[in-house]
Amino acid sequence: TISGHKIHAPKGIGALYIRSGLKLPPYILGGGQERGMR
């Protein structure tokens, strides 16, 4: 887990690294953004 506002980016943005091959289920459901993952 990383976050933008700790490195001089605005609040409201971060990212999750998921290693290759790991089929982590989505956490927020809806449209197909983020390759269907978020």
PDB file of all heavy atoms in Angstrom:
ATOM      1  N   THR A   1       0.836  -1.196   0.000  1.00  0.00           N
ATOM      2  CA  THR A   1       0.000   0.000   0.000  1.00  0.00           C
ATOM      3  C   THR A   1       0.872   1.248   0.000  1.00  0.00           C
ATOM      4  O   THR A   1       1.817   1.352   0.786  1.00  0.00           O
ATOM      5  CB  THR A   1      -0.889   0.031   1.256  1.00  0.00           C
ATOM      6  OG1 THR A   1      -1.670  -1.157   1.313  1.00  0.00           O
ATOM      7  CG2 THR A   1      -1.808   1.244   1.247  1.00  0.00           C
ATOM      8  N   ILE A   2       0.542   2.220  -0.869  1.00  0.00           N
ATOM      9  CA  ILE A   2       1.217   3.515  -0.864  1.00  0.00           C
ATOM     10  C   ILE A   2       0.179   4.625  -0.991  1.00  0.00           C
ATOM     11  O   ILE A   2      -0.975   4.373  -1.348  1.00  0.00           O
ATOM     12  CB  ILE A   2       2.275   3.647  -1.987  1.00  0.00           C
ATOM     13  CG1 ILE A   2       1.625   3.469  -3.367  1.00  0.00           C
ATOM     14  CG2 ILE A   2       3.392   2.636  -1.786  1.00  0.00           C
ATOM     15  CD1 ILE A   2       2.585   3.710  -4.521  1.00  0.00           C
ATOM     16  N   SER A   3       0.591   5.853  -0.688  1.00  0.00           N
ATOM     17  CA  SER A   3      -0.327   6.993  -0.697  1.00  0.00           C
ATOM     18  C   SER A   3       0.362   8.213  -1.287  1.00  0.00           C
ATOM     19  O   SER A   3       1.565   8.418  -1.081  1.00  0.00           O
ATOM     20  CB  SER A   3      -0.795   7.287   0.731  1.00  0.00           C
ATOM     21  OG  SER A   3      -1.655   8.404   0.761  1.00  0.00           O
ATOM     22  N   GLY A   4      -0.406   9.035  -1.991  1.00  0.00           N
ATOM     23  CA  GLY A   4       0.152  10.194  -2.668  1.00  0.00           C
ATOM     24  C   GLY A   4       0.478  11.364  -1.767  1.00  0.00           C
ATOM     25  O   GLY A   4       1.493  12.041  -1.950  1.00  0.00           O
ATOM     26  N   HIS A   5      -0.371  11.639  -0.771  1.00  0.00           N
ATOM     27  CA  HIS A   5      -0.191  12.890  -0.032  1.00  0.00           C
ATOM     28  C   HIS A   5       0.961  12.837   0.965  1.00  0.00           C
ATOM     29  O   HIS A   5       1.267  13.841   1.595  1.00  0.00           O
ATOM     30  CB  HIS A   5      -1.495  13.310   0.655  1.00  0.00           C
ATOM     31  CG  HIS A   5      -1.859  12.545   1.877  1.00  0.00           C
ATOM     32  ND1 HIS A   5      -1.762  13.079   3.144  1.00  0.00           N
ATOM     33  CD2 HIS A   5      -2.344  11.299   2.030  1.00  0.00           C
ATOM     34  CE1 HIS A   5      -2.173  12.181   4.028  1.00  0.00           C
ATOM     35  NE2 HIS A   5      -2.535  11.096   3.371  1.00  0.00           N
ATOM     36  N   LYS A   6       1.643  11.701   1.061  1.00  0.00           N
ATOM     37  CA  LYS A   6       2.863  11.623   1.869  1.00  0.00           C
ATOM     38  C   LYS A   6       4.099  11.955   1.049  1.00  0.00           C
ATOM     39  O   LYS A   6       5.196  12.095   1.601  1.00  0.00           O
ATOM     40  CB  LYS A   6       3.032  10.220   2.469  1.00  0.00           C
ATOM     41  CG  LYS A   6       1.806   9.666   3.170  1.00  0.00           C
ATOM     42  CD  LYS A   6       1.413  10.439   4.412  1.00  0.00           C
ATOM     43  CE  LYS A   6       0.293   9.712   5.151  1.00  0.00           C
ATOM     44  NZ  LYS A   6      -0.153  10.414   6.362  1.00  0.00           N
ATOM     45  N   ILE A   7       3.954  12.080  -0.280  1.00  0.00           N
ATOM     46  CA  ILE A   7       5.119  12.336  -1.146  1.00  0.00           C
ATOM     47  C   ILE A   7       4.927  13.596  -1.993  1.00  0.00           C
ATOM     48  O   ILE A   7       5.453  13.705  -3.088  1.00  0.00           O
ATOM     49  CB  ILE A   7       5.415  11.124  -2.043  1.00  0.00           C
ATOM     50  CG1 ILE A   7       4.272  10.871  -3.035  1.00  0.00           C
ATOM     51  CG2 ILE A   7       5.690   9.861  -1.212  1.00  0.00           C
ATOM     52  CD1 ILE A   7       4.673  10.044  -4.238  1.00  0.00           C
ATOM     53  N   HIS A   8       4.135  14.538  -1.491  1.00  0.00           N
ATOM     54  CA  HIS A   8       3.934  15.841  -2.137  1.00  0.00           C
ATOM     55  C   HIS A   8       2.974  15.798  -3.318  1.00  0.00           C
ATOM     56  O   HIS A   8       3.015  16.654  -4.210  1.00  0.00           O
ATOM     57  CB  HIS A   8       5.274  16.463  -2.545  1.00  0.00           C
ATOM     58  CG  HIS A   8       6.231  16.603  -1.403  1.00  0.00           C
ATOM     59  ND1 HIS A   8       6.066  17.551  -0.409  1.00  0.00           N
ATOM     60  CD2 HIS A   8       7.344  15.887  -1.070  1.00  0.00           C
ATOM     61  CE1 HIS A   8       7.044  17.421   0.475  1.00  0.00           C
ATOM     62  NE2 HIS A   8       7.822  16.419   0.111  1.00  0.00           N
ATOM     63  N   ALA A   9       2.081  14.811  -3.324  1.00  0.00           N
ATOM     64  CA  ALA A   9       0.932  14.798  -4.224  1.00  0.00           C
ATOM     65  C   ALA A   9      -0.290  15.211  -3.410  1.00  0.00           C
ATOM     66  O   ALA A   9      -0.223  15.305  -2.185  1.00  0.00           O
ATOM     67  CB  ALA A   9       0.741  13.409  -4.831  1.00  0.00           C
ATOM     68  N   PRO A  10      -1.432  15.453  -4.046  1.00  0.00           N
ATOM     69  CA  PRO A  10      -2.631  15.847  -3.281  1.00  0.00           C
ATOM     70  C   PRO A  10      -3.196  14.689  -2.472  1.00  0.00           C
ATOM     71  O   PRO A  10      -2.866  13.520  -2.695  1.00  0.00           O
ATOM     72  CB  PRO A  10      -3.615  16.289  -4.370  1.00  0.00           C
ATOM     73  CG  PRO A  10      -2.840  16.384  -5.623  1.00  0.00           C
ATOM     74  CD  PRO A  10      -1.678  15.474  -5.489  1.00  0.00           C
ATOM     75  N   LYS A  11      -4.069  15.021  -1.556  1.00  0.00           N
ATOM     76  CA  LYS A  11      -4.848  14.002  -0.847  1.00  0.00           C
ATOM     77  C   LYS A  11      -5.871  13.398  -1.808  1.00  0.00           C
ATOM     78  O   LYS A  11      -6.275  14.030  -2.776  1.00  0.00           O
ATOM     79  CB  LYS A  11      -5.547  14.630   0.356  1.00  0.00           C
ATOM     80  CG  LYS A  11      -4.581  15.275   1.350  1.00  0.00           C
ATOM     81  CD  LYS A  11      -5.316  16.148   2.342  1.00  0.00           C
ATOM     82  CE  LYS A  11      -4.342  16.917   3.212  1.00  0.00           C
ATOM     83  NZ  LYS A  11      -3.528  17.920   2.440  1.00  0.00           N
ATOM     84  N   GLY A  12      -6.283  12.181  -1.519  1.00  0.00           N
ATOM     85  CA  GLY A  12      -7.313  11.557  -2.327  1.00  0.00           C
ATOM     86  C   GLY A  12      -6.804  10.611  -3.388  1.00  0.00           C
ATOM     87  O   GLY A  12      -7.576  10.189  -4.258  1.00  0.00           O
ATOM     88  N   ILE A  13      -5.525  10.235  -3.325  1.00  0.00           N
ATOM     89  CA  ILE A  13      -4.988   9.298  -4.306  1.00  0.00           C
ATOM     90  C   ILE A  13      -3.942   8.402  -3.636  1.00  0.00           C
ATOM     91  O   ILE A  13      -3.158   8.854  -2.810  1.00  0.00           O
ATOM     92  CB  ILE A  13      -4.381  10.034  -5.529  1.00  0.00           C
ATOM     93  CG1 ILE A  13      -3.944   9.030  -6.600  1.00  0.00           C
ATOM     94  CG2 ILE A  13      -3.222  10.922  -5.108  1.00  0.00           C
ATOM     95  CD1 ILE A  13      -5.076   8.241  -7.209  1.00  0.00           C
ATOM     96  N   GLY A  14      -3.990   7.129  -3.984  1.00  0.00           N
ATOM     97  CA  GLY A  14      -3.010   6.159  -3.502  1.00  0.00           C
ATOM     98  C   GLY A  14      -2.943   5.034  -4.500  1.00  0.00           C
ATOM     99  O   GLY A  14      -3.491   5.119  -5.612  1.00  0.00           O
ATOM    100  N   ALA A  15      -2.279   3.958  -4.132  1.00  0.00           N
ATOM    101  CA  ALA A  15      -2.190   2.813  -5.028  1.00  0.00           C
ATOM    102  C   ALA A  15      -1.929   1.556  -4.220  1.00  0.00           C
ATOM    103  O   ALA A  15      -1.377   1.602  -3.114  1.00  0.00           O
ATOM    104  CB  ALA A  15      -1.091   3.011  -6.068  1.00  0.00           C
ATOM    105  N   LEU A  16      -2.348   0.428  -4.789  1.00  0.00           N
ATOM    106  CA  LEU A  16      -2.059  -0.881  -4.216  1.00  0.00           C
ATOM    107  C   LEU A  16      -1.276  -1.683  -5.245  1.00  0.00           C
ATOM    108  O   LEU A  16      -1.728  -1.862  -6.384  1.00  0.00           O
ATOM    109  CB  LEU A  16      -3.352  -1.622  -3.851  1.00  0.00           C
ATOM    110  CG  LEU A  16      -3.157  -3.018  -3.238  1.00  0.00           C
ATOM    111  CD1 LEU A  16      -2.470  -2.925  -1.877  1.00  0.00           C
ATOM    112  CD2 LEU A  16      -4.504  -3.738  -3.105  1.00  0.00           C
ATOM    113  N   TYR A  17      -0.113  -2.141  -4.844  1.00  0.00           N
ATOM    114  CA  TYR A  17       0.679  -3.062  -5.657  1.00  0.00           C
ATOM    115  C   TYR A  17       0.162  -4.473  -5.405  1.00  0.00           C
ATOM    116  O   TYR A  17       0.010  -4.900  -4.260  1.00  0.00           O
ATOM    117  CB  TYR A  17       2.157  -2.972  -5.277  1.00  0.00           C
ATOM    118  CG  TYR A  17       3.002  -4.151  -5.733  1.00  0.00           C
ATOM    119  CD1 TYR A  17       3.598  -4.155  -6.993  1.00  0.00           C
ATOM    120  CD2 TYR A  17       3.203  -5.246  -4.898  1.00  0.00           C
ATOM    121  CE1 TYR A  17       4.380  -5.234  -7.412  1.00  0.00           C
ATOM    122  CE2 TYR A  17       3.978  -6.330  -5.310  1.00  0.00           C
ATOM    123  CZ  TYR A  17       4.553  -6.320  -6.560  1.00  0.00           C
ATOM    124  OH  TYR A  17       5.332  -7.385  -6.970  1.00  0.00           O
ATOM    125  N   ILE A  18      -0.135  -5.188  -6.484  1.00  0.00           N
ATOM    126  CA  ILE A  18      -0.556  -6.584  -6.414  1.00  0.00           C
ATOM    127  C   ILE A  18       0.399  -7.390  -7.286  1.00  0.00           C
ATOM    128  O   ILE A  18       0.512  -7.129  -8.486  1.00  0.00           O
ATOM    129  CB  ILE A  18      -2.012  -6.766  -6.904  1.00  0.00           C
ATOM    130  CG1 ILE A  18      -2.958  -5.865  -6.117  1.00  0.00           C
ATOM    131  CG2 ILE A  18      -2.430  -8.229  -6.798  1.00  0.00           C
ATOM    132  CD1 ILE A  18      -4.399  -5.898  -6.624  1.00  0.00           C
ATOM    133  N   ARG A  19       1.090  -8.335  -6.687  1.00  0.00           N
ATOM    134  CA  ARG A  19       2.099  -9.076  -7.440  1.00  0.00           C
ATOM    135  C   ARG A  19       1.462  -9.837  -8.604  1.00  0.00           C
ATOM    136  O   ARG A  19       0.278 -10.223  -8.575  1.00  0.00           O
ATOM    137  CB  ARG A  19       2.879 -10.031  -6.546  1.00  0.00           C
ATOM    138  CG  ARG A  19       2.116 -11.216  -6.056  1.00  0.00           C
ATOM    139  CD  ARG A  19       3.041 -12.360  -5.653  1.00  0.00           C
ATOM    140  NE  ARG A  19       2.319 -13.390  -4.937  1.00  0.00           N
ATOM    141  CZ  ARG A  19       1.611 -14.346  -5.521  1.00  0.00           C
ATOM    142  NH1 ARG A  19       1.493 -14.370  -6.838  1.00  0.00           N
ATOM    143  NH2 ARG A  19       0.990 -15.266  -4.779  1.00  0.00           N
ATOM    144  N   SER A  20       2.248 -10.064  -9.609  1.00  0.00           N
ATOM    145  CA  SER A  20       1.773 -10.784 -10.784  1.00  0.00           C
ATOM    146  C   SER A  20       1.294 -12.183 -10.397  1.00  0.00           C
ATOM    147  O   SER A  20       1.934 -12.878  -9.602  1.00  0.00           O
ATOM    148  CB  SER A  20       2.903 -10.904 -11.814  1.00  0.00           C
ATOM    149  OG  SER A  20       3.330  -9.636 -12.253  1.00  0.00           O
ATOM    150  N   GLY A  21       0.161 -12.567 -10.956  1.00  0.00           N
ATOM    151  CA  GLY A  21      -0.381 -13.889 -10.710  1.00  0.00           C
ATOM    152  C   GLY A  21      -1.321 -13.989  -9.534  1.00  0.00           C
ATOM    153  O   GLY A  21      -2.011 -15.008  -9.373  1.00  0.00           O
ATOM    154  N   LEU A  22      -1.373 -12.957  -8.696  1.00  0.00           N
ATOM    155  CA  LEU A  22      -2.260 -12.978  -7.539  1.00  0.00           C
ATOM    156  C   LEU A  22      -3.630 -12.450  -7.953  1.00  0.00           C
ATOM    157  O   LEU A  22      -3.760 -11.284  -8.339  1.00  0.00           O
ATOM    158  CB  LEU A  22      -1.682 -12.129  -6.412  1.00  0.00           C
ATOM    159  CG  LEU A  22      -2.508 -12.056  -5.117  1.00  0.00           C
ATOM    160  CD1 LEU A  22      -2.682 -13.443  -4.512  1.00  0.00           C
ATOM    161  CD2 LEU A  22      -1.854 -11.109  -4.119  1.00  0.00           C
ATOM    162  N   LYS A  23      -4.643 -13.271  -7.864  1.00  0.00           N
ATOM    163  CA  LYS A  23      -5.993 -12.910  -8.295  1.00  0.00           C
ATOM    164  C   LYS A  23      -6.779 -12.321  -7.117  1.00  0.00           C
ATOM    165  O   LYS A  23      -7.756 -12.902  -6.635  1.00  0.00           O
ATOM    166  CB  LYS A  23      -6.705 -14.126  -8.864  1.00  0.00           C
ATOM    167  CG  LYS A  23      -5.961 -14.819  -9.992  1.00  0.00           C
ATOM    168  CD  LYS A  23      -5.762 -13.905 -11.190  1.00  0.00           C
ATOM    169  CE  LYS A  23      -5.082 -14.648 -12.334  1.00  0.00           C
ATOM    170  NZ  LYS A  23      -4.826 -13.756 -13.510  1.00  0.00           N
ATOM    171  N   LEU A  24      -6.365 -11.161  -6.654  1.00  0.00           N
ATOM    172  CA  LEU A  24      -7.036 -10.521  -5.528  1.00  0.00           C
ATOM    173  C   LEU A  24      -8.424 -10.057  -5.953  1.00  0.00           C
ATOM    174  O   LEU A  24      -8.570  -9.369  -6.967  1.00  0.00           O
ATOM    175  CB  LEU A  24      -6.222  -9.329  -5.040  1.00  0.00           C
ATOM    176  CG  LEU A  24      -6.697  -8.678  -3.737  1.00  0.00           C
ATOM    177  CD1 LEU A  24      -6.375  -9.584  -2.550  1.00  0.00           C
ATOM    178  CD2 LEU A  24      -6.051  -7.306  -3.546  1.00  0.00           C
ATOM    179  N   PRO A  25      -9.470 -10.387  -5.189  1.00  0.00           N
ATOM    180  CA  PRO A  25     -10.816  -9.927  -5.553  1.00  0.00           C
ATOM    181  C   PRO A  25     -10.929  -8.408  -5.457  1.00  0.00           C
ATOM    182  O   PRO A  25     -10.283  -7.782  -4.614  1.00  0.00           O
ATOM    183  CB  PRO A  25     -11.714 -10.601  -4.511  1.00  0.00           C
ATOM    184  CG  PRO A  25     -10.918 -11.741  -3.983  1.00  0.00           C
ATOM    185  CD  PRO A  25      -9.485 -11.285  -4.024  1.00  0.00           C
ATOM    186  N   PRO A  26     -11.752  -7.797  -6.300  1.00  0.00           N
ATOM    187  CA  PRO A  26     -11.984  -6.349  -6.206  1.00  0.00           C
ATOM    188  C   PRO A  26     -12.597  -5.984  -4.864  1.00  0.00           C
ATOM    189  O   PRO A  26     -13.258  -6.813  -4.224  1.00  0.00           O
ATOM    190  CB  PRO A  26     -12.955  -6.062  -7.348  1.00  0.00           C
ATOM    191  CG  PRO A  26     -12.793  -7.207  -8.285  1.00  0.00           C
ATOM    192  CD  PRO A  26     -12.460  -8.391  -7.433  1.00  0.00           C
ATOM    193  N   TYR A  27     -12.389  -4.740  -4.467  1.00  0.00           N
ATOM    194  CA  TYR A  27     -12.933  -4.252  -3.197  1.00  0.00           C
ATOM    195  C   TYR A  27     -14.108  -3.312  -3.428  1.00  0.00           C
ATOM    196  O   TYR A  27     -15.052  -3.268  -2.666  1.00  0.00           O
ATOM    197  CB  TYR A  27     -11.822  -3.547  -2.417  1.00  0.00           C
ATOM    198  CG  TYR A  27     -12.209  -3.070  -1.043  1.00  0.00           C
ATOM    199  CD1 TYR A  27     -12.613  -3.974  -0.062  1.00  0.00           C
ATOM    200  CD2 TYR A  27     -12.154  -1.721  -0.712  1.00  0.00           C
ATOM    201  CE1 TYR A  27     -12.958  -3.545   1.210  1.00  0.00           C
ATOM    202  CE2 TYR A  27     -12.494  -1.282   0.555  1.00  0.00           C
ATOM    203  CZ  TYR A  27     -12.900  -2.196   1.516  1.00  0.00           C
ATOM    204  OH  TYR A  27     -13.243  -1.771   2.772  1.00  0.00           O
ATOM    205  N   ILE A  28     -14.048  -2.526  -4.508  1.00  0.00           N
ATOM    206  CA  ILE A  28     -15.142  -1.627  -4.889  1.00  0.00           C
ATOM    207  C   ILE A  28     -15.701  -2.120  -6.214  1.00  0.00           C
ATOM    208  O   ILE A  28     -14.969  -2.246  -7.203  1.00  0.00           O
ATOM    209  CB  ILE A  28     -14.647  -0.168  -5.018  1.00  0.00           C
ATOM    210  CG1 ILE A  28     -14.147   0.338  -3.662  1.00  0.00           C
ATOM    211  CG2 ILE A  28     -15.755   0.734  -5.547  1.00  0.00           C
ATOM    212  CD1 ILE A  28     -13.607   1.757  -3.702  1.00  0.00           C
ATOM    213  N   LEU A  29     -16.986  -2.389  -6.241  1.00  0.00           N
ATOM    214  CA  LEU A  29     -17.631  -2.967  -7.414  1.00  0.00           C
ATOM    215  C   LEU A  29     -18.398  -1.913  -8.190  1.00  0.00           C
ATOM    216  O   LEU A  29     -18.890  -0.936  -7.624  1.00  0.00           O
ATOM    217  CB  LEU A  29     -18.578  -4.090  -6.983  1.00  0.00           C
ATOM    218  CG  LEU A  29     -17.944  -5.210  -6.142  1.00  0.00           C
ATOM    219  CD1 LEU A  29     -19.007  -6.204  -5.699  1.00  0.00           C
ATOM    220  CD2 LEU A  29     -16.846  -5.908  -6.927  1.00  0.00           C
ATOM    221  N   GLY A  30     -18.495  -2.107  -9.478  1.00  0.00           N
ATOM    222  CA  GLY A  30     -19.213  -1.160 -10.321  1.00  0.00           C
ATOM    223  C   GLY A  30     -18.796  -1.321 -11.767  1.00  0.00           C
ATOM    224  O   GLY A  30     -18.925  -2.397 -12.345  1.00  0.00           O
ATOM    225  N   GLY A  31     -18.245  -0.252 -12.331  1.00  0.00           N
ATOM    226  CA  GLY A  31     -17.793  -0.286 -13.715  1.00  0.00           C
ATOM    227  C   GLY A  31     -16.495  -1.054 -13.877  1.00  0.00           C
ATOM    228  O   GLY A  31     -15.980  -1.660 -12.940  1.00  0.00           O
ATOM    229  N   GLY A  32     -15.948  -0.996 -15.060  1.00  0.00           N
ATOM    230  CA  GLY A  32     -14.759  -1.792 -15.374  1.00  0.00           C
ATOM    231  C   GLY A  32     -13.451  -1.044 -15.262  1.00  0.00           C
ATOM    232  O   GLY A  32     -12.438  -1.469 -15.848  1.00  0.00           O
ATOM    233  N   GLN A  33     -13.434   0.056 -14.512  1.00  0.00           N
ATOM    234  CA  GLN A  33     -12.195   0.823 -14.386  1.00  0.00           C
ATOM    235  C   GLN A  33     -11.096   0.002 -13.709  1.00  0.00           C
ATOM    236  O   GLN A  33     -11.368  -0.971 -13.013  1.00  0.00           O
ATOM    237  CB  GLN A  33     -12.434   2.113 -13.581  1.00  0.00           C
ATOM    238  CG  GLN A  33     -13.343   3.119 -14.258  1.00  0.00           C
ATOM    239  CD  GLN A  33     -14.806   2.908 -13.950  1.00  0.00           C
ATOM    240  OE1 GLN A  33     -15.190   1.917 -13.339  1.00  0.00           O
ATOM    241  NE2 GLN A  33     -15.652   3.837 -14.384  1.00  0.00           N
ATOM    242  N   GLU A  34      -9.865   0.443 -13.909  1.00  0.00           N
ATOM    243  CA  GLU A  34      -8.697  -0.249 -13.339  1.00  0.00           C
ATOM    244  C   GLU A  34      -8.705  -1.737 -13.709  1.00  0.00           C
ATOM    245  O   GLU A  34      -8.506  -2.610 -12.860  1.00  0.00           O
ATOM    246  CB  GLU A  34      -8.622  -0.060 -11.821  1.00  0.00           C
ATOM    247  CG  GLU A  34      -8.272   1.343 -11.383  1.00  0.00           C
ATOM    248  CD  GLU A  34      -6.918   1.795 -11.908  1.00  0.00           C
ATOM    249  OE1 GLU A  34      -5.887   1.350 -11.367  1.00  0.00           O
ATOM    250  OE2 GLU A  34      -6.894   2.593 -12.873  1.00  0.00           O
ATOM    251  N   ARG A  35      -8.957  -1.975 -14.998  1.00  0.00           N
ATOM    252  CA  ARG A  35      -8.965  -3.346 -15.523  1.00  0.00           C
ATOM    253  C   ARG A  35      -9.925  -4.246 -14.745  1.00  0.00           C
ATOM    254  O   ARG A  35      -9.652  -5.429 -14.509  1.00  0.00           O
ATOM    255  CB  ARG A  35      -7.546  -3.928 -15.504  1.00  0.00           C
ATOM    256  CG  ARG A  35      -6.597  -3.240 -16.510  1.00  0.00           C
ATOM    257  CD  ARG A  35      -5.160  -3.346 -16.075  1.00  0.00           C
ATOM    258  NE  ARG A  35      -4.856  -2.391 -15.006  1.00  0.00           N
ATOM    259  CZ  ARG A  35      -3.791  -2.475 -14.212  1.00  0.00           C
ATOM    260  NH1 ARG A  35      -2.958  -3.477 -14.349  1.00  0.00           N
ATOM    261  NH2 ARG A  35      -3.577  -1.566 -13.282  1.00  0.00           N
ATOM    262  N   GLY A  36     -11.047  -3.661 -14.327  1.00  0.00           N
ATOM    263  CA  GLY A  36     -12.074  -4.396 -13.616  1.00  0.00           C
ATOM    264  C   GLY A  36     -11.782  -4.643 -12.155  1.00  0.00           C
ATOM    265  O   GLY A  36     -12.546  -5.321 -11.465  1.00  0.00           O
ATOM    266  N   MET A  37     -10.718  -4.040 -11.638  1.00  0.00           N
ATOM    267  CA  MET A  37     -10.284  -4.307 -10.266  1.00  0.00           C
ATOM    268  C   MET A  37     -10.734  -3.262  -9.258  1.00  0.00           C
ATOM    269  O   MET A  37     -10.765  -3.522  -8.061  1.00  0.00           O
ATOM    270  CB  MET A  37      -8.754  -4.410 -10.222  1.00  0.00           C
ATOM    271  CG  MET A  37      -8.217  -5.671 -10.855  1.00  0.00           C
ATOM    272  SD  MET A  37      -8.613  -7.135  -9.882  1.00  0.00           S
ATOM    273  CE  MET A  37      -7.446  -6.946  -8.538  1.00  0.00           C
ATOM    274  N   ARG A  38     -11.085  -2.053  -9.739  1.00  0.00           N
ATOM    275  CA  ARG A  38     -11.463  -1.002  -8.787  1.00  0.00           C
ATOM    276  C   ARG A  38     -12.409  -0.046  -9.506  1.00  0.00           C
ATOM    277  O   ARG A  38     -11.984   0.811 -10.281  1.00  0.00           O
ATOM    278  CB  ARG A  38     -10.212  -0.288  -8.281  1.00  0.00           C
ATOM    279  CG  ARG A  38     -10.396   0.487  -6.980  1.00  0.00           C
ATOM    280  CD  ARG A  38     -10.719   1.929  -7.248  1.00  0.00           C
ATOM    281  NE  ARG A  38     -10.747   2.711  -6.026  1.00  0.00           N
ATOM    282  CZ  ARG A  38     -11.036   4.011  -5.988  1.00  0.00           C
ATOM    283  NH1 ARG A  38     -11.327   4.661  -7.101  1.00  0.00           N
ATOM    284  NH2 ARG A  38     -11.053   4.656  -4.846  1.00  0.00           N
TER     285      ARG A  38
END
